[in-house]
Amino acid sequence: MKKNQKKELHQKNNEELKQLIGKMNEELVKLKMEKQAGKLKNVRLLERKKHELAIVKTIFKEKELNL
């Protein structure tokens, strides 16, 4: 994730971040199912999406705790 994308995430409110987390979770589930079915060609994509989700969750938690 690029620095400018992280800055944009910091500017979003908690409701927008919740929606983004939900959307990313759905995408992650789809990627996992594709991997199990053997249709996922880029396995690294799954790891990258997990990492991006962790970043978004961290930013959400920071905003929740007012850090």
N, C-alpha and C. Protein backbone atom coordinates (compact mmCIF):
# COMPACT_ATOMS: atom_id res chain seq x y z
N MET A 1 0.84 -1.17 0.00
CA MET A 1 0.00 0.00 0.00
C MET A 1 0.89 1.24 0.00
N LYS A 2 0.56 2.17 -0.85
CA LYS A 2 1.38 3.37 -1.00
C LYS A 2 1.05 4.39 0.08
N LYS A 3 1.98 5.31 0.30
CA LYS A 3 1.82 6.31 1.35
C LYS A 3 0.59 7.18 1.13
N ASN A 4 0.34 7.55 -0.13
CA ASN A 4 -0.82 8.41 -0.39
C ASN A 4 -2.13 7.67 -0.12
N GLN A 5 -2.14 6.35 -0.31
CA GLN A 5 -3.33 5.57 0.01
C GLN A 5 -3.56 5.53 1.51
N LYS A 6 -2.47 5.44 2.28
CA LYS A 6 -2.60 5.45 3.74
C LYS A 6 -3.11 6.79 4.23
N LYS A 7 -2.64 7.87 3.62
CA LYS A 7 -3.11 9.21 4.00
C LYS A 7 -4.60 9.34 3.74
N GLU A 8 -5.05 8.81 2.61
CA GLU A 8 -6.48 8.85 2.28
C GLU A 8 -7.29 8.07 3.31
N LEU A 9 -6.76 6.94 3.77
CA LEU A 9 -7.46 6.15 4.77
C LEU A 9 -7.56 6.90 6.09
N HIS A 10 -6.52 7.63 6.45
CA HIS A 10 -6.55 8.40 7.70
C HIS A 10 -7.58 9.52 7.63
N GLN A 11 -7.92 9.97 6.43
CA GLN A 11 -8.89 11.06 6.28
C GLN A 11 -10.34 10.56 6.31
N LYS A 12 -10.54 9.28 6.16
CA LYS A 12 -11.90 8.72 6.17
C LYS A 12 -12.41 8.62 7.60
N ASN A 13 -13.74 8.65 7.73
CA ASN A 13 -14.32 8.49 9.06
C ASN A 13 -14.52 7.00 9.38
N ASN A 14 -14.94 6.72 10.61
CA ASN A 14 -15.05 5.33 11.06
C ASN A 14 -16.07 4.53 10.24
N GLU A 15 -17.17 5.17 9.86
CA GLU A 15 -18.19 4.46 9.09
C GLU A 15 -17.66 4.03 7.72
N GLU A 16 -16.93 4.91 7.07
CA GLU A 16 -16.34 4.57 5.77
C GLU A 16 -15.31 3.45 5.92
N LEU A 17 -14.55 3.49 7.00
CA LEU A 17 -13.55 2.43 7.23
C LEU A 17 -14.23 1.09 7.50
N LYS A 18 -15.36 1.11 8.24
CA LYS A 18 -16.10 -0.14 8.50
C LYS A 18 -16.58 -0.75 7.19
N GLN A 19 -17.10 0.09 6.31
CA GLN A 19 -17.58 -0.40 5.02
C GLN A 19 -16.43 -0.97 4.20
N LEU A 20 -15.29 -0.29 4.24
CA LEU A 20 -14.12 -0.76 3.51
C LEU A 20 -13.62 -2.09 4.06
N ILE A 21 -13.64 -2.24 5.38
CA ILE A 21 -13.21 -3.50 6.00
C ILE A 21 -14.14 -4.63 5.56
N GLY A 22 -15.44 -4.37 5.55
CA GLY A 22 -16.40 -5.39 5.11
C GLY A 22 -16.17 -5.80 3.66
N LYS A 23 -15.94 -4.81 2.82
CA LYS A 23 -15.69 -5.07 1.40
C LYS A 23 -14.40 -5.88 1.22
N MET A 24 -13.37 -5.52 1.97
CA MET A 24 -12.09 -6.22 1.86
C MET A 24 -12.21 -7.65 2.38
N ASN A 25 -13.00 -7.86 3.44
CA ASN A 25 -13.22 -9.21 3.95
C ASN A 25 -13.90 -10.09 2.91
N GLU A 26 -14.90 -9.53 2.23
CA GLU A 26 -15.59 -10.29 1.18
C GLU A 26 -14.62 -10.66 0.06
N GLU A 27 -13.79 -9.71 -0.33
CA GLU A 27 -12.82 -9.96 -1.39
C GLU A 27 -11.81 -11.04 -0.97
N LEU A 28 -11.42 -11.01 0.29
CA LEU A 28 -10.48 -11.99 0.81
C LEU A 28 -11.09 -13.39 0.79
N VAL A 29 -12.36 -13.49 1.15
CA VAL A 29 -13.05 -14.79 1.12
C VAL A 29 -13.10 -15.33 -0.31
N LYS A 30 -13.40 -14.45 -1.27
CA LYS A 30 -13.45 -14.87 -2.67
C LYS A 30 -12.09 -15.38 -3.13
N LEU A 31 -11.03 -14.67 -2.74
CA LEU A 31 -9.68 -15.09 -3.13
C LEU A 31 -9.32 -16.44 -2.51
N LYS A 32 -9.72 -16.64 -1.26
CA LYS A 32 -9.45 -17.92 -0.60
C LYS A 32 -10.17 -19.07 -1.31
N MET A 33 -11.41 -18.81 -1.73
CA MET A 33 -12.17 -19.85 -2.43
C MET A 33 -11.53 -20.15 -3.78
N GLU A 34 -11.07 -19.11 -4.47
CA GLU A 34 -10.40 -19.32 -5.76
C GLU A 34 -9.11 -20.12 -5.57
N LYS A 35 -8.40 -19.86 -4.48
CA LYS A 35 -7.17 -20.60 -4.21
C LYS A 35 -7.47 -22.07 -3.97
N GLN A 36 -8.51 -22.34 -3.19
CA GLN A 36 -8.88 -23.72 -2.90
C GLN A 36 -9.33 -24.45 -4.17
N ALA A 37 -9.98 -23.72 -5.07
CA ALA A 37 -10.45 -24.33 -6.32
C ALA A 37 -9.33 -24.46 -7.35
N GLY A 38 -8.19 -23.85 -7.06
CA GLY A 38 -7.07 -23.93 -7.98
C GLY A 38 -7.15 -22.92 -9.12
N LYS A 39 -8.02 -21.93 -8.99
CA LYS A 39 -8.19 -20.94 -10.05
C LYS A 39 -7.34 -19.69 -9.86
N LEU A 40 -6.80 -19.52 -8.67
CA LEU A 40 -6.01 -18.32 -8.37
C LEU A 40 -4.61 -18.49 -8.93
N LYS A 41 -4.25 -17.63 -9.86
CA LYS A 41 -2.94 -17.73 -10.50
C LYS A 41 -1.87 -17.00 -9.70
N ASN A 42 -2.22 -15.86 -9.10
CA ASN A 42 -1.27 -15.06 -8.35
C ASN A 42 -1.53 -15.26 -6.85
N VAL A 43 -0.85 -16.21 -6.23
CA VAL A 43 -1.07 -16.53 -4.83
C VAL A 43 -0.59 -15.40 -3.93
N ARG A 44 0.36 -14.64 -4.41
CA ARG A 44 0.89 -13.50 -3.63
C ARG A 44 -0.19 -12.45 -3.40
N LEU A 45 -1.16 -12.38 -4.27
CA LEU A 45 -2.26 -11.43 -4.15
C LEU A 45 -3.01 -11.64 -2.84
N LEU A 46 -3.18 -12.88 -2.44
CA LEU A 46 -3.87 -13.21 -1.20
C LEU A 46 -3.13 -12.63 0.00
N GLU A 47 -1.83 -12.79 0.03
CA GLU A 47 -1.02 -12.25 1.12
C GLU A 47 -1.08 -10.72 1.14
N ARG A 48 -1.02 -10.11 -0.03
CA ARG A 48 -1.05 -8.65 -0.13
C ARG A 48 -2.38 -8.09 0.39
N LYS A 49 -3.48 -8.76 0.05
CA LYS A 49 -4.79 -8.31 0.51
C LYS A 49 -4.92 -8.45 2.02
N LYS A 50 -4.36 -9.51 2.58
CA LYS A 50 -4.37 -9.68 4.04
C LYS A 50 -3.62 -8.54 4.71
N HIS A 51 -2.49 -8.19 4.13
CA HIS A 51 -1.67 -7.11 4.68
C HIS A 51 -2.41 -5.77 4.61
N GLU A 52 -3.05 -5.50 3.48
CA GLU A 52 -3.80 -4.26 3.33
C GLU A 52 -4.97 -4.20 4.31
N LEU A 53 -5.63 -5.34 4.52
CA LEU A 53 -6.74 -5.39 5.48
C LEU A 53 -6.23 -5.09 6.89
N ALA A 54 -5.08 -5.62 7.23
CA ALA A 54 -4.50 -5.36 8.55
C ALA A 54 -4.20 -3.88 8.74
N ILE A 55 -3.73 -3.22 7.70
CA ILE A 55 -3.45 -1.79 7.77
C ILE A 55 -4.74 -1.01 8.01
N VAL A 56 -5.78 -1.34 7.27
CA VAL A 56 -7.06 -0.64 7.42
C VAL A 56 -7.63 -0.86 8.81
N LYS A 57 -7.55 -2.09 9.31
CA LYS A 57 -8.05 -2.38 10.66
C LYS A 57 -7.26 -1.61 11.72
N THR A 58 -5.97 -1.48 11.52
CA THR A 58 -5.13 -0.73 12.45
C THR A 58 -5.53 0.74 12.47
N ILE A 59 -5.73 1.32 11.32
CA ILE A 59 -6.15 2.72 11.23
C ILE A 59 -7.51 2.91 11.89
N PHE A 60 -8.42 1.96 11.67
CA PHE A 60 -9.75 2.01 12.28
C PHE A 60 -9.63 1.99 13.80
N LYS A 61 -8.82 1.10 14.31
CA LYS A 61 -8.65 0.98 15.76
C LYS A 61 -8.00 2.23 16.35
N GLU A 62 -7.04 2.81 15.64
CA GLU A 62 -6.40 4.04 16.10
C GLU A 62 -7.43 5.16 16.21
N LYS A 63 -8.30 5.27 15.22
CA LYS A 63 -9.33 6.31 15.25
C LYS A 63 -10.32 6.05 16.38
N GLU A 64 -10.63 4.78 16.60
CA GLU A 64 -11.56 4.40 17.65
C GLU A 64 -11.01 4.77 19.03
N LEU A 65 -9.71 4.62 19.21
CA LEU A 65 -9.07 4.92 20.49
C LEU A 65 -8.55 6.35 20.56
N ASN A 66 -8.74 7.11 19.49
CA ASN A 66 -8.28 8.50 19.40
C ASN A 66 -6.78 8.63 19.60
N LEU A 67 -6.01 7.83 18.89
CA LEU A 67 -4.55 7.90 18.99
C LEU A 67 -3.99 8.80 17.92
